[in-house]
Amino acid sequence: MTQETVLVTGASGYIGLHAIKQLLDQGYGVRGTVRSMKREGEIREALSKSGSNSQMLTLVEADLLKDEGWEDAVQGCAYVLHIASPFFIGEPDDENEMIKPAVEGTVRVLTAAAKAGVKKVVQTSSCAAITDTFDGKERYSEADWSRADHPKCSAYYKSKTLAEKAAWDFMASDQSGMTLSVINPAMVVGPSLTDDIGTSNSVIERLINGSLPAAIRFHLGYVDVRDVASAHILAMTNPASDGERFIVSERELWMAETAAVLREAGFRKAPKITLPNFVVRLVALFDKELGSALNTLGKPVITPSDKARKVLGWQPRDARQSVVETAKQLEQMGLAA
């Protein structure tokens, strides 16, 4: 029997490449989208170094902001993992730099998938689409939605919220029989398969190289990139996940707790002190990276993954160990000095 083919968007990305590796290792045929075929050699080399055979992988050029390429990309695919989406820390000069490709790209991928007879799409969203409710709550579930219309909602949180809502709106009127599941990861850490460490891992980099001399009172869920990839594949093949969204987070940590984990692992530059909130607010006036996260300063953000564990049978590794693995990789890359 010929194994089914899965399209993975964002093939060269941090999460996308891990998803491709796991699919190949499980015997699937994989088609991956890249914005430029110049990335092909890098992707195949990374997979080879990680012990995976990329013979069953084909790559196609497709851009979230262009129609060209998507029809060919989905042709013959049983499933789509829509992982590609813009992400960088801080606020862009124009929020549409982030929002437009996220929303338009999602609709483009779903439209092409439905037309091609794809059975199921699994979309990567984020806890960012869940936790900015601006109602004072600290514990969240899949029933919660960030308020993209709130004036304090950051561009990234807005992009993830609007892209996911666009996906559910599309499905509400789709007549093709295709189904959708959505994965909402917390902060994604863990080793990268390439030199692209992933945007969220830049926080770990700053904690170990001394450029963040004091911790900030941020409380976030953490999850390993490999477990994010596995959640997508579990949802892809599980009909009980149809029409559902899933928080994936192994545990929450204050930044000071993350720093303590790193110091215990031998990273001595990880900060021992925590800045008072008022100092952070002052610094944020001049630092875009901080400014985009002030909504949660000093506030617990609890994102349990009970639903993913129960419905998907998802069993994540200890995210504290993932933080340490990330730091060790960054050290090997010369980024811990």
Protein backbone atom coordinates (compact mmCIF):
# COMPACT_ATOMS: atom_id res chain seq x y z
CA MET A 1 0.00 0.00 0.00
CA THR A 2 1.33 3.45 -0.93
CA GLN A 3 1.75 5.67 2.12
CA GLU A 4 -0.26 8.90 2.15
CA THR A 5 1.36 12.26 1.36
CA VAL A 6 1.31 15.17 3.80
CA LEU A 7 1.92 18.79 2.85
CA VAL A 8 3.87 20.77 5.46
CA THR A 9 3.91 24.54 4.97
CA GLY A 10 7.00 26.37 6.21
CA ALA A 11 9.34 23.44 5.58
CA SER A 12 12.50 25.31 6.56
CA GLY A 13 11.00 26.65 9.80
CA TYR A 14 11.77 25.59 13.35
CA ILE A 15 8.56 23.60 13.95
CA GLY A 16 7.98 22.67 10.30
CA LEU A 17 11.28 20.85 9.90
CA HIS A 18 10.68 18.80 13.06
CA ALA A 19 7.24 17.85 11.73
CA ILE A 20 8.77 16.77 8.42
CA LYS A 21 11.38 14.66 10.21
CA GLN A 22 8.75 12.86 12.28
CA LEU A 23 6.49 12.26 9.27
CA LEU A 24 9.38 10.84 7.22
CA ASP A 25 10.44 8.64 10.13
CA GLN A 26 6.85 7.31 10.29
CA GLY A 27 6.89 6.44 6.59
CA TYR A 28 4.78 9.25 5.13
CA GLY A 29 5.50 10.91 1.83
CA VAL A 30 6.05 14.60 2.53
CA ARG A 31 5.76 17.70 0.39
CA GLY A 32 7.10 20.88 1.95
CA THR A 33 6.64 24.50 0.94
CA VAL A 34 9.48 27.02 0.95
CA ARG A 35 9.56 30.63 -0.17
CA SER A 36 12.76 29.91 -2.08
CA MET A 37 14.14 26.64 -3.43
CA LYS A 38 17.56 27.90 -2.37
CA ARG A 39 16.73 26.40 1.05
CA GLU A 40 16.49 22.83 -0.31
CA GLY A 41 20.11 21.84 0.33
CA GLU A 42 19.99 23.16 3.90
CA ILE A 43 16.76 21.25 4.63
CA ARG A 44 18.00 17.93 3.22
CA GLU A 45 21.35 18.26 5.00
CA ALA A 46 19.59 18.95 8.32
CA LEU A 47 17.37 15.89 7.92
CA SER A 48 20.35 13.72 6.99
CA LYS A 49 22.33 14.92 10.03
CA SER A 50 19.37 14.08 12.26
CA GLY A 51 19.26 10.52 10.90
CA SER A 52 16.24 10.88 8.61
CA ASN A 53 16.04 9.83 4.96
CA SER A 54 14.67 12.69 2.84
CA GLN A 55 14.07 10.52 -0.23
CA MET A 56 10.29 10.73 0.32
CA LEU A 57 10.40 14.53 0.61
CA THR A 58 9.67 16.90 -2.26
CA LEU A 59 9.82 20.67 -1.96
CA VAL A 60 7.77 23.29 -3.80
CA GLU A 61 7.96 27.07 -3.87
CA ALA A 62 4.94 28.88 -2.41
CA ASP A 63 4.46 32.20 -0.63
CA LEU A 64 1.68 32.96 1.86
CA LEU A 65 1.04 36.28 0.09
CA LYS A 66 0.75 34.83 -3.43
CA ASP A 67 -1.73 32.47 -5.08
CA GLU A 68 0.91 30.85 -7.28
CA GLY A 69 2.14 27.42 -6.26
CA TRP A 70 -0.52 26.43 -3.73
CA GLU A 71 -2.66 24.40 -6.14
CA ASP A 72 0.37 22.33 -7.13
CA ALA A 73 1.53 22.09 -3.51
CA VAL A 74 -1.65 20.40 -2.24
CA GLN A 75 -2.29 18.18 -5.27
CA GLY A 76 -2.45 14.52 -4.22
CA CYS A 77 -2.01 15.25 -0.51
CA ALA A 78 -4.25 13.53 2.04
CA TYR A 79 -3.35 15.94 4.84
CA VAL A 80 -1.95 19.44 5.32
CA LEU A 81 0.00 20.68 8.34
CA HIS A 82 -0.22 24.45 7.98
CA ILE A 83 2.71 25.58 10.13
CA ALA A 84 4.10 28.56 8.19
CA SER A 85 3.42 31.95 9.76
CA PRO A 86 5.48 35.07 10.45
CA PHE A 87 6.87 35.44 13.98
CA PHE A 88 9.37 37.81 15.51
CA ILE A 89 9.70 39.26 18.98
CA GLY A 90 8.69 42.87 19.39
CA GLU A 91 6.28 45.11 17.55
CA PRO A 92 6.68 45.64 13.77
CA ASP A 93 6.47 49.19 12.42
CA ASP A 94 3.34 48.09 10.58
CA GLU A 95 1.27 45.34 12.25
CA ASN A 96 0.03 44.20 8.83
CA GLU A 97 3.54 42.88 8.10
CA MET A 98 2.58 40.12 10.52
CA ILE A 99 -1.21 40.01 10.24
CA LYS A 100 -1.61 39.98 6.44
CA PRO A 101 0.50 36.89 5.62
CA ALA A 102 -0.92 35.04 8.65
CA VAL A 103 -4.57 35.62 7.73
CA GLU A 104 -4.34 35.62 3.92
CA GLY A 105 -1.96 32.67 3.95
CA THR A 106 -4.32 30.61 6.08
CA VAL A 107 -7.25 31.25 3.73
CA ARG A 108 -5.06 30.51 0.69
CA VAL A 109 -3.92 27.17 2.09
CA LEU A 110 -7.43 26.11 3.17
CA THR A 111 -8.95 27.13 -0.17
CA ALA A 112 -6.38 25.13 -2.13
CA ALA A 113 -6.69 22.15 0.24
CA ALA A 114 -10.49 22.01 0.02
CA LYS A 115 -10.37 22.25 -3.77
CA ALA A 116 -7.81 19.42 -3.97
CA GLY A 117 -9.86 17.04 -1.81
CA VAL A 118 -7.55 17.09 1.22
CA LYS A 119 -9.05 15.10 4.10
CA LYS A 120 -7.80 17.22 6.97
CA VAL A 121 -5.80 20.34 7.79
CA VAL A 122 -3.98 20.83 11.09
CA GLN A 123 -3.14 24.48 11.66
CA THR A 124 -0.49 25.88 13.98
CA SER A 125 -1.98 28.65 16.04
CA SER A 126 -0.67 29.69 19.46
CA CYS A 127 -1.59 30.32 23.08
CA ALA A 128 -1.28 33.91 21.86
CA ALA A 129 -4.74 33.39 20.31
CA ILE A 130 -6.08 32.40 23.75
CA THR A 131 -4.52 34.35 26.63
CA ASP A 132 -4.97 38.06 25.83
CA THR A 133 -8.57 38.19 27.10
CA PHE A 134 -8.04 41.40 29.12
CA ASP A 135 -10.54 40.22 31.75
CA GLY A 136 -8.15 39.54 34.63
CA LYS A 137 -8.23 35.75 34.43
CA GLU A 138 -5.10 33.66 35.01
CA ARG A 139 -6.20 30.15 33.96
CA TYR A 140 -7.16 29.57 30.35
CA SER A 141 -8.73 26.85 28.23
CA GLU A 142 -9.50 26.23 24.57
CA ALA A 143 -12.79 28.10 25.08
CA ASP A 144 -10.88 31.40 25.51
CA TRP A 145 -9.97 33.82 22.74
CA SER A 146 -7.59 36.76 22.74
CA ARG A 147 -9.29 40.07 22.00
CA ALA A 148 -7.77 41.18 18.72
CA ASP A 149 -9.92 44.31 18.89
CA HIS A 150 -8.38 45.46 22.17
CA PRO A 151 -6.05 48.48 21.79
CA LYS A 152 -3.35 46.77 23.89
CA CYS A 153 -3.35 43.52 21.90
CA SER A 154 0.10 43.12 20.30
CA ALA A 155 0.60 42.52 16.57
CA TYR A 156 1.72 38.91 17.09
CA TYR A 157 -1.22 38.01 19.36
CA LYS A 158 -3.55 39.74 16.92
CA SER A 159 -2.08 37.88 13.91
CA LYS A 160 -2.48 34.46 15.54
CA THR A 161 -6.02 35.24 16.74
CA LEU A 162 -7.23 36.61 13.40
CA ALA A 163 -5.57 33.80 11.40
CA GLU A 164 -7.17 31.12 13.54
CA LYS A 165 -10.58 32.81 13.42
CA ALA A 166 -10.24 33.07 9.63
CA ALA A 167 -9.66 29.30 9.55
CA TRP A 168 -12.76 28.51 11.60
CA ASP A 169 -14.81 30.98 9.54
CA PHE A 170 -13.66 29.26 6.35
CA MET A 171 -14.61 25.84 7.72
CA ALA A 172 -18.07 27.07 8.71
CA SER A 173 -18.96 27.56 5.04
CA ASP A 174 -16.79 24.85 3.44
CA GLN A 175 -18.76 22.09 1.70
CA SER A 176 -15.84 19.86 0.68
CA GLY A 177 -15.97 17.50 3.67
CA MET A 178 -12.46 18.54 4.79
CA THR A 179 -11.91 18.79 8.56
CA LEU A 180 -9.72 21.09 10.67
CA SER A 181 -7.83 20.78 13.94
CA VAL A 182 -5.80 23.58 15.52
CA ILE A 183 -2.72 23.29 17.75
CA ASN A 184 -2.10 26.18 20.18
CA PRO A 185 1.46 25.89 21.54
CA ALA A 186 2.84 27.88 24.46
CA MET A 187 6.45 29.14 24.21
CA VAL A 188 8.28 26.64 22.02
CA VAL A 189 11.78 25.60 23.11
CA GLY A 190 14.11 22.71 22.35
CA PRO A 191 16.87 21.96 19.88
CA SER A 192 16.70 23.19 16.30
CA LEU A 193 17.59 20.96 13.35
CA THR A 194 19.37 23.89 11.63
CA ASP A 195 21.25 27.05 12.61
CA ASP A 196 17.85 28.80 12.73
CA ILE A 197 17.26 28.56 16.48
CA GLY A 198 13.64 29.68 16.39
CA THR A 199 12.49 33.09 17.55
CA SER A 200 11.34 31.96 20.99
CA ASN A 201 14.75 30.46 21.73
CA SER A 202 16.30 33.92 21.48
CA VAL A 203 15.00 34.44 25.03
CA ILE A 204 17.10 31.46 26.20
CA GLU A 205 20.06 32.93 24.30
CA ARG A 206 19.71 36.24 26.16
CA LEU A 207 19.43 34.47 29.51
CA ILE A 208 22.68 32.54 29.04
CA ASN A 209 24.88 35.16 27.33
CA GLY A 210 24.44 37.89 29.92
CA SER A 211 22.49 40.29 27.71
CA LEU A 212 19.52 39.88 30.05
CA PRO A 213 21.22 40.60 33.41
CA ALA A 214 17.96 40.42 35.38
CA ALA A 215 14.85 38.30 35.01
CA ILE A 216 11.48 39.90 34.27
CA ARG A 217 8.26 38.83 35.94
CA PHE A 218 6.91 36.96 32.93
CA HIS A 219 5.08 33.67 33.45
CA LEU A 220 4.65 31.46 30.40
CA GLY A 221 3.89 27.92 29.39
CA TYR A 222 6.79 26.01 27.81
CA VAL A 223 6.69 23.12 25.35
CA ASP A 224 9.34 21.22 23.39
CA VAL A 225 9.36 21.75 19.61
CA ARG A 226 9.40 17.97 19.06
CA ASP A 227 6.24 17.64 21.14
CA VAL A 228 4.56 20.43 19.16
CA ALA A 229 5.36 18.51 15.97
CA SER A 230 4.04 15.25 17.42
CA ALA A 231 0.79 16.97 18.51
CA HIS A 232 0.16 17.98 14.90
CA ILE A 233 0.63 14.41 13.67
CA LEU A 234 -1.51 12.93 16.46
CA ALA A 235 -4.32 15.37 15.60
CA MET A 236 -3.92 14.67 11.88
CA THR A 237 -4.80 10.99 12.25
CA ASN A 238 -7.33 11.21 15.11
CA PRO A 239 -10.95 11.85 14.06
CA ALA A 240 -11.79 12.82 17.66
CA SER A 241 -9.75 16.00 17.07
CA ASP A 242 -11.88 17.17 14.11
CA GLY A 243 -13.21 20.67 14.72
CA GLU A 244 -11.17 21.07 17.93
CA ARG A 245 -8.35 23.31 19.16
CA PHE A 246 -5.67 22.06 21.55
CA ILE A 247 -3.42 23.93 23.98
CA VAL A 248 0.01 22.25 24.05
CA SER A 249 2.11 23.30 27.05
CA GLU A 250 4.11 21.03 29.34
CA ARG A 251 4.40 23.41 32.31
CA GLU A 252 4.48 27.09 33.20
CA LEU A 253 7.59 28.83 34.51
CA TRP A 254 8.38 32.32 35.73
CA MET A 255 11.45 33.69 33.95
CA ALA A 256 13.35 33.52 37.27
CA GLU A 257 12.57 29.78 37.43
CA THR A 258 13.85 29.32 33.87
CA ALA A 259 17.04 31.17 34.84
CA ALA A 260 17.45 28.91 37.90
CA VAL A 261 17.14 25.80 35.69
CA LEU A 262 19.88 27.20 33.44
CA ARG A 263 22.20 28.11 36.35
CA GLU A 264 21.79 24.60 37.74
CA ALA A 265 22.87 23.26 34.33
CA GLY A 266 26.07 25.34 34.53
CA PHE A 267 25.06 28.51 32.69
CA ARG A 268 26.38 30.96 35.26
CA LYS A 269 25.36 34.15 33.45
CA ALA A 270 21.67 33.32 33.86
CA PRO A 271 20.31 36.10 36.09
CA LYS A 272 19.75 35.70 39.84
CA ILE A 273 17.72 38.85 40.39
CA THR A 274 14.31 39.93 39.08
CA LEU A 275 13.55 43.49 37.98
CA PRO A 276 10.65 45.29 39.66
CA ASN A 277 7.69 45.75 37.32
CA PHE A 278 7.94 49.57 37.31
CA VAL A 279 11.54 49.39 36.03
CA VAL A 280 10.48 47.04 33.23
CA ARG A 281 7.70 49.44 32.22
CA LEU A 282 10.22 52.28 32.03
CA VAL A 283 12.67 50.24 29.94
CA ALA A 284 9.81 49.14 27.66
CA LEU A 285 9.34 52.74 26.54
CA PHE A 286 12.60 52.29 24.59
CA ASP A 287 12.55 48.53 23.93
CA LYS A 288 10.00 47.16 21.43
CA GLU A 289 10.67 43.57 22.49
CA LEU A 290 9.52 44.31 26.02
CA GLY A 291 6.69 46.60 24.99
CA SER A 292 4.79 43.85 23.18
CA ALA A 293 4.64 41.68 26.32
CA LEU A 294 3.66 44.16 29.04
CA ASN A 295 0.07 42.89 29.11
CA THR A 296 1.17 39.83 31.10
CA LEU A 297 3.87 41.44 33.26
CA GLY A 298 3.67 40.05 36.81
CA LYS A 299 0.59 37.96 35.98
CA PRO A 300 0.40 34.15 36.08
CA VAL A 301 -0.60 32.70 32.71
CA ILE A 302 -1.77 29.12 33.21
CA THR A 303 -2.46 27.07 30.06
CA PRO A 304 -3.26 23.43 30.94
CA SER A 305 -3.00 20.77 28.22
CA ASP A 306 -5.51 18.34 29.72
CA LYS A 307 -7.50 18.19 26.47
CA ALA A 308 -4.47 17.34 24.30
CA ARG A 309 -3.37 14.64 26.74
CA LYS A 310 -6.84 13.11 26.91
CA VAL A 311 -8.04 13.37 23.29
CA LEU A 312 -4.72 13.03 21.43
CA GLY A 313 -2.87 10.82 23.93
CA TRP A 314 -0.17 13.51 23.86
CA GLN A 315 2.73 12.85 26.24
CA PRO A 316 5.27 15.70 26.28
CA ARG A 317 8.80 15.61 27.68
CA ASP A 318 9.87 17.79 30.61
CA ALA A 319 10.19 21.32 29.21
CA ARG A 320 12.90 22.19 31.76
CA GLN A 321 15.15 19.64 30.09
CA SER A 322 14.23 21.16 26.72
CA VAL A 323 15.38 24.57 27.99
CA VAL A 324 18.74 23.05 28.95
CA GLU A 325 19.07 21.24 25.59
CA THR A 326 18.40 24.54 23.85
CA ALA A 327 21.06 26.30 25.90
CA LYS A 328 23.61 23.57 25.15
CA GLN A 329 22.95 23.85 21.42
CA LEU A 330 23.28 27.64 21.59
CA GLU A 331 26.58 27.17 23.47
CA GLN A 332 27.86 24.83 20.73
CA MET A 333 26.93 27.52 18.20
CA GLY A 334 29.01 30.08 20.08
CA LEU A 335 25.98 32.08 21.22
CA ALA A 336 26.42 31.66 24.97
CA ALA A 337 29.46 33.94 25.34
